[in-house]
């Protein structure tokens, strides 16, 4: 059985990147209870990470982010109760030090540019491996913006349309 080729991520370093103290503190906002619980447990079990809170919806997630002041917020693209795009902007507006990573994207995502404008610092594809997940979190926590290579065409198409 052959393994699929590794995806490349396109990091963009920010001039204002500042070091994050270990462990990297996270809040997970995911409406699927099994995914939320499992993801939080998996991340928590890794050295260098701590999950401060996990929330099932946007309002609870924003409250947890306000209280915990994490380094990184993992935000589900398709929250059932609220617009994830609006929540990205609210998190960045109210807790500017928290970097937002949008989870669960597809290669032909129509709103990547909107998320970038709202303040997202990174993206994780729906089919990403756990290693890709962790490396994206580490990179974003240390001030690097991460766009998986699979999303570059979507982003360029959106920019051209504008």
C-alpha atoms as a PDB file:
ATOM      1  CA  UNK A   1       0.000   0.000   0.000  1.00  0.00           C
ATOM      2  CA  UNK A   2       1.552   3.292  -1.006  1.00  0.00           C
ATOM      3  CA  UNK A   3       1.315   6.390   1.127  1.00  0.00           C
ATOM      4  CA  UNK A   4      -0.073   9.608  -0.326  1.00  0.00           C
ATOM      5  CA  UNK A   5       2.538  12.321  -0.936  1.00  0.00           C
ATOM      6  CA  UNK A   6       3.098  14.768   1.885  1.00  0.00           C
ATOM      7  CA  UNK A   7       1.394  18.117   1.489  1.00  0.00           C
ATOM      8  CA  UNK A   8       3.537  21.191   1.514  1.00  0.00           C
ATOM      9  CA  UNK A   9       2.546  24.185   3.573  1.00  0.00           C
ATOM     10  CA  UNK A  10       3.382  27.673   2.461  1.00  0.00           C
ATOM     11  CA  UNK A  11       4.499  29.573   5.563  1.00  0.00           C
ATOM     12  CA  UNK A  12       4.725  33.334   5.626  1.00  0.00           C
ATOM     13  CA  UNK A  13       6.794  34.788   8.433  1.00  0.00           C
ATOM     14  CA  UNK A  14       5.530  37.912  10.098  1.00  0.00           C
ATOM     15  CA  UNK A  15       7.886  40.674  11.074  1.00  0.00           C
ATOM     16  CA  UNK A  16       6.068  40.995  14.396  1.00  0.00           C
ATOM     17  CA  UNK A  17       6.429  37.312  15.303  1.00  0.00           C
ATOM     18  CA  UNK A  18       7.193  36.860  18.949  1.00  0.00           C
ATOM     19  CA  UNK A  19       8.246  33.720  20.773  1.00  0.00           C
ATOM     20  CA  UNK A  20       5.549  31.707  22.496  1.00  0.00           C
ATOM     21  CA  UNK A  21       6.358  30.088  25.786  1.00  0.00           C
ATOM     22  CA  UNK A  22       5.913  26.361  25.977  1.00  0.00           C
ATOM     23  CA  UNK A  23       3.419  24.825  26.284  1.00  0.00           C
ATOM     24  CA  UNK A  24       1.312  26.351  23.517  1.00  0.00           C
ATOM     25  CA  UNK A  25      -2.080  27.136  25.045  1.00  0.00           C
ATOM     26  CA  UNK A  26      -5.181  26.401  22.965  1.00  0.00           C
ATOM     27  CA  UNK A  27      -8.948  26.731  22.933  1.00  0.00           C
ATOM     28  CA  UNK A  28     -10.869  24.372  20.631  1.00  0.00           C
ATOM     29  CA  UNK A  29     -14.210  25.493  19.158  1.00  0.00           C
ATOM     30  CA  UNK A  30     -15.909  22.549  17.427  1.00  0.00           C
ATOM     31  CA  UNK A  31     -19.621  21.679  17.442  1.00  0.00           C
ATOM     32  CA  UNK A  32     -19.160  17.927  16.881  1.00  0.00           C
ATOM     33  CA  UNK A  33     -18.826  16.524  20.440  1.00  0.00           C
ATOM     34  CA  UNK A  34     -16.836  13.437  19.434  1.00  0.00           C
ATOM     35  CA  UNK A  35     -14.390  15.445  17.326  1.00  0.00           C
ATOM     36  CA  UNK A  36     -14.102  18.210  19.961  1.00  0.00           C
ATOM     37  CA  UNK A  37     -13.389  15.785  22.812  1.00  0.00           C
ATOM     38  CA  UNK A  38     -11.066  13.561  20.788  1.00  0.00           C
ATOM     39  CA  UNK A  39      -9.099  16.437  19.294  1.00  0.00           C
ATOM     40  CA  UNK A  40      -8.672  18.139  22.663  1.00  0.00           C
ATOM     41  CA  UNK A  41      -7.503  14.871  24.253  1.00  0.00           C
ATOM     42  CA  UNK A  42      -5.068  14.084  21.425  1.00  0.00           C
ATOM     43  CA  UNK A  43      -3.533  17.560  21.501  1.00  0.00           C
ATOM     44  CA  UNK A  44      -3.373  17.595  25.303  1.00  0.00           C
ATOM     45  CA  UNK A  45      -1.456  14.299  25.233  1.00  0.00           C
ATOM     46  CA  UNK A  46       1.345  15.834  23.144  1.00  0.00           C
ATOM     47  CA  UNK A  47       4.339  17.492  24.785  1.00  0.00           C
ATOM     48  CA  UNK A  48       4.418  21.253  24.343  1.00  0.00           C
ATOM     49  CA  UNK A  49       0.648  21.751  24.154  1.00  0.00           C
ATOM     50  CA  UNK A  50      -2.092  22.456  26.665  1.00  0.00           C
ATOM     51  CA  UNK A  51      -5.796  22.699  25.908  1.00  0.00           C
ATOM     52  CA  UNK A  52      -7.252  25.348  28.194  1.00  0.00           C
ATOM     53  CA  UNK A  53     -10.864  24.883  27.116  1.00  0.00           C
ATOM     54  CA  UNK A  54     -13.124  23.395  24.466  1.00  0.00           C
ATOM     55  CA  UNK A  55     -16.471  24.807  23.383  1.00  0.00           C
ATOM     56  CA  UNK A  56     -19.366  23.521  21.293  1.00  0.00           C
ATOM     57  CA  UNK A  57     -20.527  26.826  19.837  1.00  0.00           C
ATOM     58  CA  UNK A  58     -19.376  30.289  18.897  1.00  0.00           C
ATOM     59  CA  UNK A  59     -20.730  32.182  21.900  1.00  0.00           C
ATOM     60  CA  UNK A  60     -19.255  29.752  24.432  1.00  0.00           C
ATOM     61  CA  UNK A  61     -16.041  29.639  22.405  1.00  0.00           C
ATOM     62  CA  UNK A  62     -15.657  33.419  22.432  1.00  0.00           C
ATOM     63  CA  UNK A  63     -16.291  33.490  26.183  1.00  0.00           C
ATOM     64  CA  UNK A  64     -13.656  30.789  26.772  1.00  0.00           C
ATOM     65  CA  UNK A  65     -11.163  32.698  24.590  1.00  0.00           C
ATOM     66  CA  UNK A  66     -11.834  35.897  26.558  1.00  0.00           C
ATOM     67  CA  UNK A  67     -11.269  34.073  29.855  1.00  0.00           C
ATOM     68  CA  UNK A  68      -8.333  31.828  28.907  1.00  0.00           C
ATOM     69  CA  UNK A  69      -6.424  34.174  26.564  1.00  0.00           C
ATOM     70  CA  UNK A  70      -4.851  31.291  24.602  1.00  0.00           C
ATOM     71  CA  UNK A  71      -1.999  31.465  22.124  1.00  0.00           C
ATOM     72  CA  UNK A  72      -4.104  29.687  19.477  1.00  0.00           C
ATOM     73  CA  UNK A  73      -7.807  29.129  18.820  1.00  0.00           C
ATOM     74  CA  UNK A  74      -8.723  26.100  16.708  1.00  0.00           C
ATOM     75  CA  UNK A  75     -11.992  27.035  15.027  1.00  0.00           C
ATOM     76  CA  UNK A  76     -14.236  24.696  13.055  1.00  0.00           C
ATOM     77  CA  UNK A  77     -15.065  26.115   9.627  1.00  0.00           C
ATOM     78  CA  UNK A  78     -18.679  24.920   9.740  1.00  0.00           C
ATOM     79  CA  UNK A  79     -20.067  25.787  13.165  1.00  0.00           C
ATOM     80  CA  UNK A  80     -23.778  25.034  13.135  1.00  0.00           C
ATOM     81  CA  UNK A  81     -24.803  27.834  15.491  1.00  0.00           C
ATOM     82  CA  UNK A  82     -22.794  30.766  14.186  1.00  0.00           C
ATOM     83  CA  UNK A  83     -20.852  32.121  11.274  1.00  0.00           C
ATOM     84  CA  UNK A  84     -17.242  31.003  11.745  1.00  0.00           C
ATOM     85  CA  UNK A  85     -16.047  33.931   9.658  1.00  0.00           C
ATOM     86  CA  UNK A  86     -17.687  36.475  11.959  1.00  0.00           C
ATOM     87  CA  UNK A  87     -16.361  34.612  14.992  1.00  0.00           C
ATOM     88  CA  UNK A  88     -12.823  34.789  13.571  1.00  0.00           C
ATOM     89  CA  UNK A  89     -13.100  38.577  13.403  1.00  0.00           C
ATOM     90  CA  UNK A  90     -14.575  38.814  16.899  1.00  0.00           C
ATOM     91  CA  UNK A  91     -11.808  36.687  18.423  1.00  0.00           C
ATOM     92  CA  UNK A  92      -9.098  38.756  16.720  1.00  0.00           C
ATOM     93  CA  UNK A  93     -10.843  42.003  17.716  1.00  0.00           C
ATOM     94  CA  UNK A  94     -11.382  41.108  21.366  1.00  0.00           C
ATOM     95  CA  UNK A  95      -8.282  38.978  22.067  1.00  0.00           C
ATOM     96  CA  UNK A  96      -5.737  40.178  19.489  1.00  0.00           C
ATOM     97  CA  UNK A  97      -2.902  38.041  20.877  1.00  0.00           C
ATOM     98  CA  UNK A  98      -4.865  34.852  20.130  1.00  0.00           C
ATOM     99  CA  UNK A  99      -4.123  33.483  16.685  1.00  0.00           C
ATOM    100  CA  UNK A 100      -6.976  31.733  14.873  1.00  0.00           C
ATOM    101  CA  UNK A 101      -6.566  28.538  12.858  1.00  0.00           C
ATOM    102  CA  UNK A 102      -9.522  27.489  10.725  1.00  0.00           C
ATOM    103  CA  UNK A 103     -10.041  23.706  10.630  1.00  0.00           C
ATOM    104  CA  UNK A 104     -11.788  21.521   8.081  1.00  0.00           C
ATOM    105  CA  UNK A 105     -11.207  23.239   4.755  1.00  0.00           C
ATOM    106  CA  UNK A 106     -11.541  21.700   1.311  1.00  0.00           C
ATOM    107  CA  UNK A 107      -9.163  22.482  -1.604  1.00  0.00           C
ATOM    108  CA  UNK A 108     -11.785  24.587  -3.418  1.00  0.00           C
ATOM    109  CA  UNK A 109     -12.749  26.685  -0.418  1.00  0.00           C
ATOM    110  CA  UNK A 110     -14.604  29.783  -1.613  1.00  0.00           C
ATOM    111  CA  UNK A 111     -13.908  32.102   1.325  1.00  0.00           C
ATOM    112  CA  UNK A 112     -10.207  31.736   2.169  1.00  0.00           C
ATOM    113  CA  UNK A 113      -9.520  35.417   1.410  1.00  0.00           C
ATOM    114  CA  UNK A 114     -12.401  36.449   3.677  1.00  0.00           C
ATOM    115  CA  UNK A 115     -10.910  34.463   6.550  1.00  0.00           C
ATOM    116  CA  UNK A 116      -7.496  36.024   5.949  1.00  0.00           C
ATOM    117  CA  UNK A 117      -9.094  39.497   6.036  1.00  0.00           C
ATOM    118  CA  UNK A 118     -10.947  38.580   9.240  1.00  0.00           C
ATOM    119  CA  UNK A 119      -7.642  37.710  10.896  1.00  0.00           C
ATOM    120  CA  UNK A 120      -7.116  33.967  10.482  1.00  0.00           C
ATOM    121  CA  UNK A 121      -3.444  33.044  10.809  1.00  0.00           C
ATOM    122  CA  UNK A 122      -3.599  29.467   9.580  1.00  0.00           C
ATOM    123  CA  UNK A 123      -5.686  26.819   7.892  1.00  0.00           C
ATOM    124  CA  UNK A 124      -5.931  23.061   8.331  1.00  0.00           C
ATOM    125  CA  UNK A 125      -7.365  20.935   5.569  1.00  0.00           C
ATOM    126  CA  UNK A 126     -10.169  18.483   6.250  1.00  0.00           C
ATOM    127  CA  UNK A 127      -7.904  15.557   5.354  1.00  0.00           C
ATOM    128  CA  UNK A 128      -4.793  16.753   7.220  1.00  0.00           C
ATOM    129  CA  UNK A 129      -2.770  14.275   9.234  1.00  0.00           C
ATOM    130  CA  UNK A 130      -2.286  14.757  12.959  1.00  0.00           C
ATOM    131  CA  UNK A 131       1.372  15.661  12.332  1.00  0.00           C
ATOM    132  CA  UNK A 132       0.270  18.392   9.896  1.00  0.00           C
ATOM    133  CA  UNK A 133      -2.212  19.577  12.504  1.00  0.00           C
ATOM    134  CA  UNK A 134       0.483  19.894  15.175  1.00  0.00           C
ATOM    135  CA  UNK A 135       3.037  21.511  12.867  1.00  0.00           C
ATOM    136  CA  UNK A 136       0.459  24.111  11.781  1.00  0.00           C
ATOM    137  CA  UNK A 137      -0.353  24.919  15.413  1.00  0.00           C
ATOM    138  CA  UNK A 138       3.352  25.269  16.270  1.00  0.00           C
ATOM    139  CA  UNK A 139       4.061  27.481  13.269  1.00  0.00           C
ATOM    140  CA  UNK A 140       1.082  29.772  13.861  1.00  0.00           C
ATOM    141  CA  UNK A 141       1.834  30.033  17.584  1.00  0.00           C
ATOM    142  CA  UNK A 142       5.316  31.260  16.661  1.00  0.00           C
ATOM    143  CA  UNK A 143       4.043  33.962  14.311  1.00  0.00           C
ATOM    144  CA  UNK A 144       4.028  32.184  10.952  1.00  0.00           C
ATOM    145  CA  UNK A 145       0.924  32.356   8.783  1.00  0.00           C
ATOM    146  CA  UNK A 146       0.166  28.965   7.245  1.00  0.00           C
ATOM    147  CA  UNK A 147      -1.741  28.349   4.042  1.00  0.00           C
ATOM    148  CA  UNK A 148      -1.755  24.728   2.850  1.00  0.00           C
ATOM    149  CA  UNK A 149      -0.585  24.452  -0.745  1.00  0.00           C
ATOM    150  CA  UNK A 150      -3.962  22.986  -1.725  1.00  0.00           C
ATOM    151  CA  UNK A 151      -5.612  26.351  -0.933  1.00  0.00           C
ATOM    152  CA  UNK A 152      -3.313  28.616  -2.946  1.00  0.00           C
ATOM    153  CA  UNK A 153      -5.387  28.325  -6.133  1.00  0.00           C
ATOM    154  CA  UNK A 154      -8.576  29.193  -4.244  1.00  0.00           C
ATOM    155  CA  UNK A 155      -6.909  32.212  -2.668  1.00  0.00           C
ATOM    156  CA  UNK A 156      -5.452  33.501  -5.941  1.00  0.00           C
ATOM    157  CA  UNK A 157      -8.794  33.038  -7.696  1.00  0.00           C
ATOM    158  CA  UNK A 158     -10.544  35.038  -4.977  1.00  0.00           C
ATOM    159  CA  UNK A 159      -7.970  37.823  -5.175  1.00  0.00           C
ATOM    160  CA  UNK A 160      -8.308  38.049  -8.965  1.00  0.00           C
ATOM    161  CA  UNK A 161     -12.119  38.237  -8.693  1.00  0.00           C
ATOM    162  CA  UNK A 162     -11.845  41.178  -6.325  1.00  0.00           C
END
